[in-house]
Protein backbone atom coordinates (compact mmCIF):
# COMPACT_ATOMS: atom_id res chain seq x y z
CA MET A 1 -54.27 135.47 -2.47
CA ALA A 2 -56.16 132.34 -0.95
CA SER A 3 -56.00 130.43 -4.26
CA GLU A 4 -52.58 130.82 -4.97
CA SER A 5 -51.71 129.54 -1.58
CA ALA A 6 -53.26 126.24 -1.73
CA SER A 7 -51.00 123.38 -1.96
CA PRO A 8 -51.18 121.48 -4.96
CA ALA A 9 -50.96 117.74 -3.18
CA ALA A 10 -54.21 118.90 -1.13
CA SER A 11 -55.97 120.20 -4.12
CA PRO A 12 -54.88 118.28 -7.20
CA SER A 13 -56.92 118.78 -10.51
CA PRO A 14 -59.47 116.01 -10.73
CA ARG A 15 -59.06 113.10 -12.81
CA PRO A 16 -60.27 113.41 -16.53
CA ALA A 17 -63.18 111.86 -17.74
CA GLU A 18 -62.18 109.03 -19.93
CA SER A 19 -62.54 110.37 -23.60
CA GLU A 20 -63.38 108.64 -26.72
CA ARG A 21 -60.50 109.86 -28.85
CA HIS A 22 -58.44 107.68 -30.72
CA ALA A 23 -54.57 107.88 -31.49
CA SER A 24 -53.99 110.49 -34.06
CA TRP A 25 -52.10 109.92 -37.45
CA LEU A 26 -49.09 111.80 -35.72
CA GLU A 27 -49.06 109.35 -32.97
CA LEU A 28 -49.46 106.51 -35.43
CA PHE A 29 -46.34 107.67 -37.33
CA PHE A 30 -44.25 107.92 -34.15
CA ASP A 31 -45.15 104.41 -33.15
CA LEU A 32 -44.08 103.16 -36.52
CA ILE A 33 -40.77 104.96 -36.28
CA ALA A 34 -40.29 103.49 -32.85
CA VAL A 35 -41.35 99.80 -34.05
CA ALA A 36 -38.69 100.29 -36.88
CA GLY A 37 -36.11 100.30 -34.17
CA VAL A 38 -37.25 97.51 -32.44
CA ALA A 39 -36.90 95.57 -35.76
CA GLN A 40 -33.35 96.88 -36.17
CA LEU A 41 -32.85 95.50 -32.60
CA ALA A 42 -33.92 91.91 -33.72
CA HIS A 43 -30.86 91.51 -35.84
CA LEU A 44 -28.91 91.67 -32.86
CA LEU A 45 -30.19 88.34 -31.90
CA HIS A 46 -29.40 86.67 -35.20
CA GLY A 47 -27.00 83.49 -35.39
CA ALA A 48 -26.54 81.79 -32.31
CA PRO A 49 -27.17 84.56 -29.56
CA GLY A 50 -25.22 84.04 -26.18
CA ALA A 51 -26.05 85.82 -22.70
CA ALA A 52 -24.02 88.78 -23.59
CA ASP A 53 -26.24 89.17 -26.82
CA LEU A 54 -29.45 88.98 -25.29
CA GLY A 55 -28.77 91.26 -22.33
CA PHE A 56 -27.31 93.93 -24.99
CA TYR A 57 -31.07 93.78 -26.55
CA CYS A 58 -32.51 94.00 -23.78
CA LEU A 59 -30.82 97.38 -22.88
CA LEU A 60 -31.18 98.75 -26.21
CA TYR A 61 -35.03 97.63 -26.24
CA LEU A 62 -35.64 99.52 -22.71
CA ALA A 63 -33.95 102.62 -24.01
CA PHE A 64 -36.23 102.41 -27.30
CA TRP A 65 -39.46 101.88 -25.16
CA THR A 66 -38.31 104.54 -22.66
CA ALA A 67 -38.11 107.00 -25.23
CA TRP A 68 -41.28 105.93 -27.08
CA MET A 69 -43.39 106.08 -23.99
CA CYS A 70 -42.14 109.57 -22.72
CA PHE A 71 -43.63 110.92 -25.72
CA THR A 72 -46.77 108.81 -25.70
CA THR A 73 -47.41 110.13 -22.18
CA TYR A 74 -47.13 113.49 -23.61
CA GLY A 75 -49.65 112.98 -26.54
CA ASN A 76 -52.12 111.16 -24.01
CA VAL A 77 -52.39 114.23 -21.56
CA ALA A 78 -51.76 116.94 -23.88
CA ALA A 79 -54.07 115.50 -26.40
CA ASP A 80 -54.94 118.19 -29.49
CA LYS A 81 -52.54 120.27 -27.67
CA VAL A 82 -49.50 118.70 -28.66
CA HIS A 83 -46.90 120.60 -30.50
CA THR A 84 -46.66 118.76 -33.82
CA ARG A 85 -42.96 120.14 -34.46
CA THR A 86 -41.79 119.01 -31.04
CA VAL A 87 -42.91 115.32 -31.94
CA LEU A 88 -41.51 115.18 -35.15
CA ILE A 89 -38.15 116.16 -33.58
CA GLY A 90 -38.68 113.34 -31.27
CA MET A 91 -39.17 111.14 -34.24
CA PHE A 92 -35.81 112.13 -35.88
CA GLY A 93 -34.29 111.13 -32.65
CA LEU A 94 -35.89 107.77 -32.72
CA ALA A 95 -34.95 107.28 -36.29
CA VAL A 96 -31.13 108.46 -35.67
CA MET A 97 -31.38 105.84 -32.52
CA ALA A 98 -32.84 103.16 -35.13
CA ALA A 99 -30.05 103.86 -37.96
CA ALA A 100 -27.30 103.40 -35.10
CA VAL A 101 -28.16 100.05 -34.01
CA PRO A 102 -25.82 98.31 -36.59
CA GLY A 103 -23.33 99.76 -35.69
CA VAL A 104 -23.91 100.47 -31.93
CA ARG A 105 -21.25 98.29 -30.20
CA THR A 106 -18.53 100.39 -32.80
CA ASP A 107 -18.47 103.85 -34.16
CA HIS A 108 -22.34 104.56 -33.89
CA ALA A 109 -22.29 104.26 -30.13
CA ARG A 110 -22.18 108.01 -29.41
CA ALA A 111 -24.89 108.75 -32.14
CA PHE A 112 -27.33 106.17 -30.49
CA ALA A 113 -26.36 108.05 -26.75
CA LEU A 114 -26.69 111.58 -28.10
CA ALA A 115 -29.95 110.63 -29.88
CA TYR A 116 -31.47 109.26 -26.87
CA VAL A 117 -30.48 112.25 -24.84
CA LEU A 118 -32.11 114.63 -27.46
CA VAL A 119 -35.22 112.60 -27.16
CA ARG A 120 -35.35 112.23 -23.57
CA VAL A 121 -34.70 116.13 -22.66
CA LEU A 122 -37.15 117.29 -25.45
CA ALA A 123 -39.75 114.80 -24.00
CA SER A 124 -39.04 116.17 -20.26
CA ARG A 125 -38.92 120.05 -21.65
CA VAL A 126 -42.54 119.91 -22.99
CA TRP A 127 -43.88 119.76 -19.11
CA GLN A 128 -41.94 122.81 -17.71
CA HIS A 129 -44.51 125.46 -18.95
CA ARG A 130 -47.93 123.32 -18.60
CA GLY A 131 -47.76 123.05 -14.91
CA GLU A 132 -48.80 119.33 -14.70
CA ILE A 133 -47.39 116.55 -12.85
CA VAL A 134 -47.87 113.17 -14.56
CA ALA A 135 -48.19 111.24 -11.18
CA ASP A 136 -48.78 107.81 -13.27
CA TRP A 137 -45.56 107.87 -15.17
CA PRO A 138 -42.91 110.71 -13.50
CA VAL A 139 -40.16 109.12 -15.85
CA ALA A 140 -41.69 111.24 -18.61
CA GLN A 141 -40.73 114.49 -16.72
CA LEU A 142 -37.41 113.64 -15.42
CA SER A 143 -34.22 113.62 -17.06
CA VAL A 144 -31.56 112.89 -14.30
CA GLY A 145 -31.38 109.12 -16.07
CA VAL A 146 -29.72 110.77 -18.97
CA VAL A 147 -26.79 112.01 -17.06
CA PRO A 148 -25.09 108.59 -17.44
CA TRP A 149 -26.01 108.36 -21.22
CA LEU A 150 -24.42 111.82 -21.68
CA VAL A 151 -21.13 110.98 -19.84
CA SER A 152 -21.20 107.74 -21.81
CA VAL A 153 -20.33 109.73 -25.15
CA TRP A 154 -16.74 110.05 -23.81
CA ALA A 155 -16.45 106.29 -22.34
CA GLU A 156 -15.43 103.70 -24.22
CA ALA A 157 -17.06 99.94 -24.19
CA PRO A 158 -17.98 98.38 -22.11
CA ILE A 159 -18.37 101.18 -19.69
CA ARG A 160 -20.43 102.95 -21.72
CA TYR A 161 -23.03 100.09 -21.84
CA TRP A 162 -22.64 100.06 -18.02
CA LEU A 163 -23.17 103.68 -18.58
CA TRP A 164 -26.53 103.18 -20.08
CA THR A 165 -27.43 100.86 -17.56
CA ALA A 166 -27.09 102.87 -14.79
CA GLY A 167 -29.27 105.78 -16.46
CA LEU A 168 -32.18 103.20 -17.04
CA ALA A 169 -32.17 101.57 -13.83
CA VAL A 170 -32.42 105.26 -12.17
CA ASP A 171 -35.22 105.76 -14.33
CA LEU A 172 -36.99 102.63 -13.29
CA GLY A 173 -35.88 103.15 -9.60
CA LEU A 174 -37.33 106.85 -9.75
CA THR A 175 -41.01 105.13 -11.08
CA PHE A 176 -41.35 103.31 -8.26
CA VAL A 177 -39.85 105.25 -5.25
CA LEU A 178 -41.82 108.44 -6.13
CA SER A 179 -45.13 109.00 -4.85
CA ARG A 180 -47.23 110.81 -6.08
CA ASN A 181 -47.53 113.33 -3.16
CA ARG A 182 -43.66 113.57 -3.34
CA LEU A 183 -43.69 114.57 -6.89
CA LEU A 184 -46.38 117.40 -6.34
CA ALA A 185 -44.34 118.87 -3.40
CA ARG A 186 -40.99 118.96 -5.35
CA ALA A 187 -42.96 120.50 -8.26
CA GLN A 188 -44.55 123.26 -5.75
CA GLU A 189 -41.20 123.89 -4.13
CA GLU A 190 -39.65 124.52 -7.67
CA TRP A 191 -42.88 126.77 -8.54
CA GLU A 192 -42.29 129.04 -5.32
CA GLU A 193 -38.72 129.46 -6.15
CA HIS A 194 -39.46 130.43 -9.88
CA ALA A 195 -41.99 132.87 -8.40
CA ALA A 196 -39.72 134.50 -6.24
CA SER A 197 -36.82 134.79 -8.39
CA HIS A 198 -39.26 135.86 -11.55
CA GLU A 199 -41.65 138.42 -10.93
CA GLY A 200 -44.01 139.27 -13.33
CA LYS A 201 -43.00 136.08 -15.48
CA ALA A 202 -45.49 133.45 -13.42
CA ARG A 203 -46.24 129.87 -14.92
CA PRO A 204 -49.13 127.66 -13.98
CA ARG A 205 -49.27 126.24 -10.39
CA PRO A 206 -48.59 122.44 -10.91
CA ALA A 207 -51.36 120.06 -10.52
CA ALA A 208 -51.63 116.47 -10.76
CA VAL A 209 -53.04 114.94 -14.14
CA ARG A 210 -53.87 111.57 -15.04
CA PHE A 211 -53.83 108.98 -18.13
CA ASP A 212 -56.60 109.19 -20.31
CA ALA A 213 -56.96 105.44 -19.77
CA ARG A 214 -58.73 104.41 -23.02
CA HIS A 215 -56.29 106.56 -25.13
CA LEU A 216 -53.43 104.59 -23.51
CA ASP A 217 -55.12 101.37 -24.02
CA GLU A 218 -55.36 101.83 -27.70
CA ARG A 219 -51.68 103.07 -27.95
CA LEU A 220 -50.17 100.35 -26.00
CA GLY A 221 -52.54 97.62 -28.26
CA LEU A 222 -51.40 99.66 -31.67
CA PHE A 223 -47.91 99.33 -30.15
CA THR A 224 -47.94 95.56 -29.67
CA LEU A 225 -49.94 94.93 -32.85
CA ILE A 226 -47.24 96.54 -34.61
CA VAL A 227 -44.66 94.61 -33.24
CA ILE A 228 -46.32 91.89 -34.26
CA GLY A 229 -46.70 92.84 -37.74
CA GLU A 230 -43.11 93.48 -37.62
CA SER A 231 -42.35 90.18 -36.70
CA VAL A 232 -44.33 88.49 -39.66
CA ALA A 233 -42.36 90.93 -41.69
CA LEU A 234 -39.30 89.33 -40.44
CA SER A 235 -40.19 85.94 -40.99
CA VAL A 236 -41.61 86.69 -44.60
CA GLU A 237 -38.18 88.17 -45.30
CA ALA A 238 -36.27 85.09 -44.07
CA SER A 239 -38.54 82.48 -46.13
CA SER A 240 -38.39 84.85 -49.35
CA GLU A 241 -34.27 84.21 -49.55
CA ALA A 242 -34.83 80.40 -48.54
CA GLU A 243 -35.34 77.37 -50.61
CA TRP A 244 -39.07 76.58 -50.34
CA THR A 245 -39.69 72.96 -49.34
CA SER A 246 -42.42 71.07 -47.45
CA ARG A 247 -40.60 71.86 -44.08
CA LEU A 248 -40.22 75.50 -44.80
CA GLY A 249 -43.90 75.67 -45.58
CA SER A 250 -44.82 74.11 -42.30
CA MET A 251 -42.74 76.04 -40.34
CA ALA A 252 -43.83 79.25 -41.68
CA VAL A 253 -47.66 78.58 -41.58
CA GLY A 254 -46.74 77.24 -37.81
CA SER A 255 -44.78 80.81 -37.23
CA PHE A 256 -47.62 82.64 -38.74
CA VAL A 257 -50.38 80.95 -36.49
CA LEU A 258 -48.38 81.21 -33.44
CA LEU A 259 -48.02 85.03 -33.88
CA LEU A 260 -51.95 84.90 -34.33
CA ALA A 261 -52.19 83.12 -30.89
CA LEU A 262 -49.79 85.80 -29.34
CA TRP A 263 -52.10 88.20 -31.02
CA ALA A 264 -54.98 87.12 -29.61
CA LEU A 265 -53.79 87.18 -26.16
CA ALA A 266 -52.25 90.63 -26.08
CA VAL A 267 -54.46 92.61 -28.35
CA ARG A 268 -57.76 91.01 -29.10
CA ARG A 269 -59.25 91.14 -25.77
CA SER A 270 -56.58 93.22 -23.76
CA CYS A 271 -54.33 96.27 -23.93
CA GLY A 272 -50.94 94.87 -25.46
CA VAL A 273 -50.31 93.35 -21.98
CA PRO A 274 -51.50 89.49 -22.19
CA LEU A 275 -54.55 88.67 -20.56
CA LEU A 276 -54.41 92.03 -18.27
CA GLY A 277 -57.86 93.41 -18.17
CA PHE A 278 -58.58 96.80 -18.52
CA GLY A 279 -57.99 99.59 -15.36
CA VAL A 280 -56.45 96.24 -13.39
CA LEU A 281 -53.03 97.68 -12.68
CA ALA A 282 -52.01 101.48 -12.08
CA PRO A 283 -49.86 102.55 -15.04
CA ARG A 284 -46.57 102.43 -13.37
CA PHE A 285 -47.23 98.76 -12.78
CA ALA A 286 -48.86 97.74 -15.93
CA LEU A 287 -46.40 99.86 -18.05
CA PRO A 288 -43.21 97.77 -17.24
CA LEU A 289 -45.25 94.52 -18.16
CA HIS A 290 -45.87 95.75 -21.58
CA CYS A 291 -42.26 96.65 -22.05
CA VAL A 292 -41.43 93.33 -21.02
CA SER A 293 -43.95 91.66 -23.40
CA THR A 294 -43.12 93.52 -26.37
CA GLY A 295 -39.44 92.94 -25.75
CA ALA A 296 -40.20 89.27 -25.70
CA LEU A 297 -42.05 89.58 -29.12
CA GLY A 298 -39.15 90.92 -30.61
CA ALA A 299 -36.98 88.37 -29.56
CA LEU A 300 -39.29 86.00 -30.94
CA ALA A 301 -39.37 87.57 -34.22
CA ALA A 302 -35.51 87.30 -34.35
CA SER A 303 -35.70 83.46 -33.64
CA LEU A 304 -38.15 82.45 -36.06
CA GLY A 305 -36.38 84.46 -38.85
CA GLY A 306 -33.21 83.00 -37.81
CA ALA A 307 -34.74 79.16 -37.36
CA VAL A 308 -35.62 79.29 -41.20
CA GLU A 309 -31.91 78.93 -42.01
CA HIS A 310 -31.84 75.65 -40.29
CA VAL A 311 -35.31 74.51 -41.43
CA GLU A 312 -34.07 71.31 -42.68
CA GLY A 313 -31.89 70.52 -39.59
CA ARG A 314 -32.04 70.93 -35.77
CA LEU A 315 -32.00 74.58 -33.94
CA PRO A 316 -28.49 75.73 -32.48
CA SER A 317 -29.08 75.39 -28.60
CA GLY A 318 -28.89 79.21 -28.35
CA MET A 319 -31.50 79.86 -30.91
CA ARG A 320 -33.93 77.24 -29.44
CA TRP A 321 -34.13 78.93 -25.93
CA LEU A 322 -34.12 82.28 -27.56
CA MET A 323 -37.28 81.16 -29.18
CA CYS A 324 -38.66 79.26 -26.44
CA GLY A 325 -37.56 81.71 -23.63
CA SER A 326 -39.25 84.67 -25.59
CA VAL A 327 -42.56 82.49 -25.27
CA VAL A 328 -42.02 81.73 -21.45
CA VAL A 329 -41.47 85.36 -20.87
CA PHE A 330 -44.56 86.53 -22.63
CA LEU A 331 -46.88 83.53 -21.17
CA SER A 332 -45.32 84.54 -17.65
CA ILE A 333 -46.74 87.87 -18.34
CA GLY A 334 -49.67 86.64 -19.29
CA LEU A 335 -49.98 84.40 -16.49
CA VAL A 336 -49.19 87.14 -13.70
CA ALA A 337 -51.68 89.52 -15.58
CA GLY A 338 -54.35 86.97 -15.87
CA VAL A 339 -54.08 86.05 -11.72
CA VAL A 340 -54.29 89.81 -10.78
CA SER A 341 -57.36 90.60 -13.47
CA GLY A 342 -59.12 88.03 -11.10
CA ARG A 343 -59.07 84.73 -13.17
CA GLY A 344 -58.03 82.91 -9.99
CA ALA A 345 -56.17 80.14 -8.50
CA ARG A 346 -58.04 77.41 -10.40
CA TRP A 347 -57.36 79.14 -13.85
CA ALA A 348 -53.62 79.49 -12.74
CA LEU A 349 -53.15 75.89 -12.06
CA GLY A 350 -55.23 74.70 -14.92
CA ALA A 351 -54.11 77.11 -17.77
CA GLY A 352 -51.68 79.92 -16.97
CA GLY A 353 -49.10 77.40 -15.00
CA PRO A 354 -49.04 74.62 -17.76
CA MET A 355 -48.39 76.79 -20.31
CA VAL A 356 -45.58 78.40 -18.79
CA VAL A 357 -44.08 74.97 -17.73
CA VAL A 358 -44.50 73.25 -21.22
CA ALA A 359 -42.55 76.03 -23.01
CA ILE A 360 -39.71 75.65 -20.42
CA LEU A 361 -39.57 72.02 -21.05
CA LEU A 362 -39.72 72.41 -24.53
CA GLY A 363 -36.88 74.59 -24.68
CA ALA A 364 -35.07 72.08 -22.56
CA PHE A 365 -35.69 69.02 -24.24
CA ALA A 366 -36.87 69.50 -27.92
CA GLY A 367 -33.23 69.49 -29.27
CA ARG A 368 -33.75 66.79 -31.37
CA GLY A 369 -36.79 67.71 -33.26
CA SER A 370 -37.21 69.85 -36.14
CA PRO A 371 -37.77 73.58 -35.83
CA ALA A 372 -41.42 73.26 -37.39
CA ALA A 373 -42.21 70.73 -34.94
CA LEU A 374 -41.11 73.04 -32.39
CA VAL A 375 -43.19 76.05 -33.60
CA TRP A 376 -46.49 74.20 -33.88
CA ALA A 377 -45.56 72.63 -30.23
CA LEU A 378 -45.29 76.09 -29.22
CA VAL A 379 -48.66 77.15 -31.02
CA VAL A 380 -50.08 74.45 -28.92
CA VAL A 381 -48.70 75.99 -25.78
CA ALA A 382 -50.03 79.79 -26.63
CA ARG A 383 -53.39 78.20 -27.29
CA TRP A 384 -53.91 76.16 -23.94
CA PRO A 385 -55.65 78.76 -22.58
CA TRP A 386 -58.20 79.14 -25.06
CA PHE A 387 -58.64 75.24 -24.97
CA TYR A 388 -58.83 75.58 -21.28
CA GLU A 389 -61.80 78.25 -21.45
CA LYS A 390 -63.60 75.79 -23.71
CA LEU A 391 -63.50 72.87 -21.85
CA ALA A 392 -64.56 74.88 -18.48
CA THR A 393 -67.57 76.61 -20.31
CA ARG A 394 -68.52 73.09 -21.69
CA ARG A 395 -68.23 71.58 -18.05
CA SER A 396 -70.36 74.31 -16.60
CA GLU A 397 -72.92 73.62 -19.17
CA GLN A 398 -73.02 70.39 -18.52
CA ARG A 399 -73.31 70.72 -14.78
CA THR A 400 -76.20 73.15 -15.69
CA ALA A 401 -78.22 70.76 -17.90
CA ALA A 402 -77.49 67.62 -15.36
CA MET A 403 -79.14 69.90 -12.50
């Protein structure tokens, strides 16, 4: 029939209208399980973390975030047709990954890898009978990146970690290399092969689908919000076990205000990515920014919690750089997002650039100050865009009144 011979690349399904639906209770439960893993990862950075510790944290965080995003994609597109049992099994896989983190360098590495493979394969299989191609985030449907993870079950450290890195690199590479037309053409070929070899067992012809943008915005923001909440929880836990002094009080308040300042940049008027406007970037570019910014928040939580042990003295160099470096990464994402959102070169020079540069300088030269003073200095840095906008508004009003 003519309708069956039409190419999906030429006749993709129309972009769905943005709905007013919100995250379901099941999706919120799933997010909490994912962020529990992020909280576990923060413990990898306690003490005086070195470059190897930080690299290991980034590797495992990317694995957690990728697994979470694959199921987030499924929930976003499938909406009320989501299979609850499938999502619950995915949650169990994430819970196993989280539980394996404390021993992931030793005997729990295989459990972590197998749980990751389970979550990824399960997330990709849900699309096989839907006849839909997620052109915005193709990794959700592809499982080739899990092959190195499966091989790593028989490998020893450090080879297994390089295999994990290779698997995630394959996923990221495919995200940016595979275009929408290539995905559709590949799906069309597979559909035709299946139709030729399985007569009478036809499955839906593949068609392109896109994210529900408003729903995705909410999920990204909620994930960031929960990560910030976990950061507060880690700081509270560390403070509750220390001797309460005036310096500890100053640092505790400063840590809370710092996290509030970062919340204002990322969630209050954005989608979980600091200073990124709605719909400015395509998902395949916006989602990596979300991954990096929330990973930086998790690392910051570890540094704030660890700094409590040194509140009466000075921070070790590694911990100071972890704290300042996390803020630098987060604010750098904000600088990029602010520019692409149309804030312009003047804003970049007056607000975006200075907050990043000052945070770097604090990491380099704030070693002699107290931890509390460093935290409050970072508060000022994080609030600088707000101060800048207030000053710019006041100057504009003064010029208008003078005319």
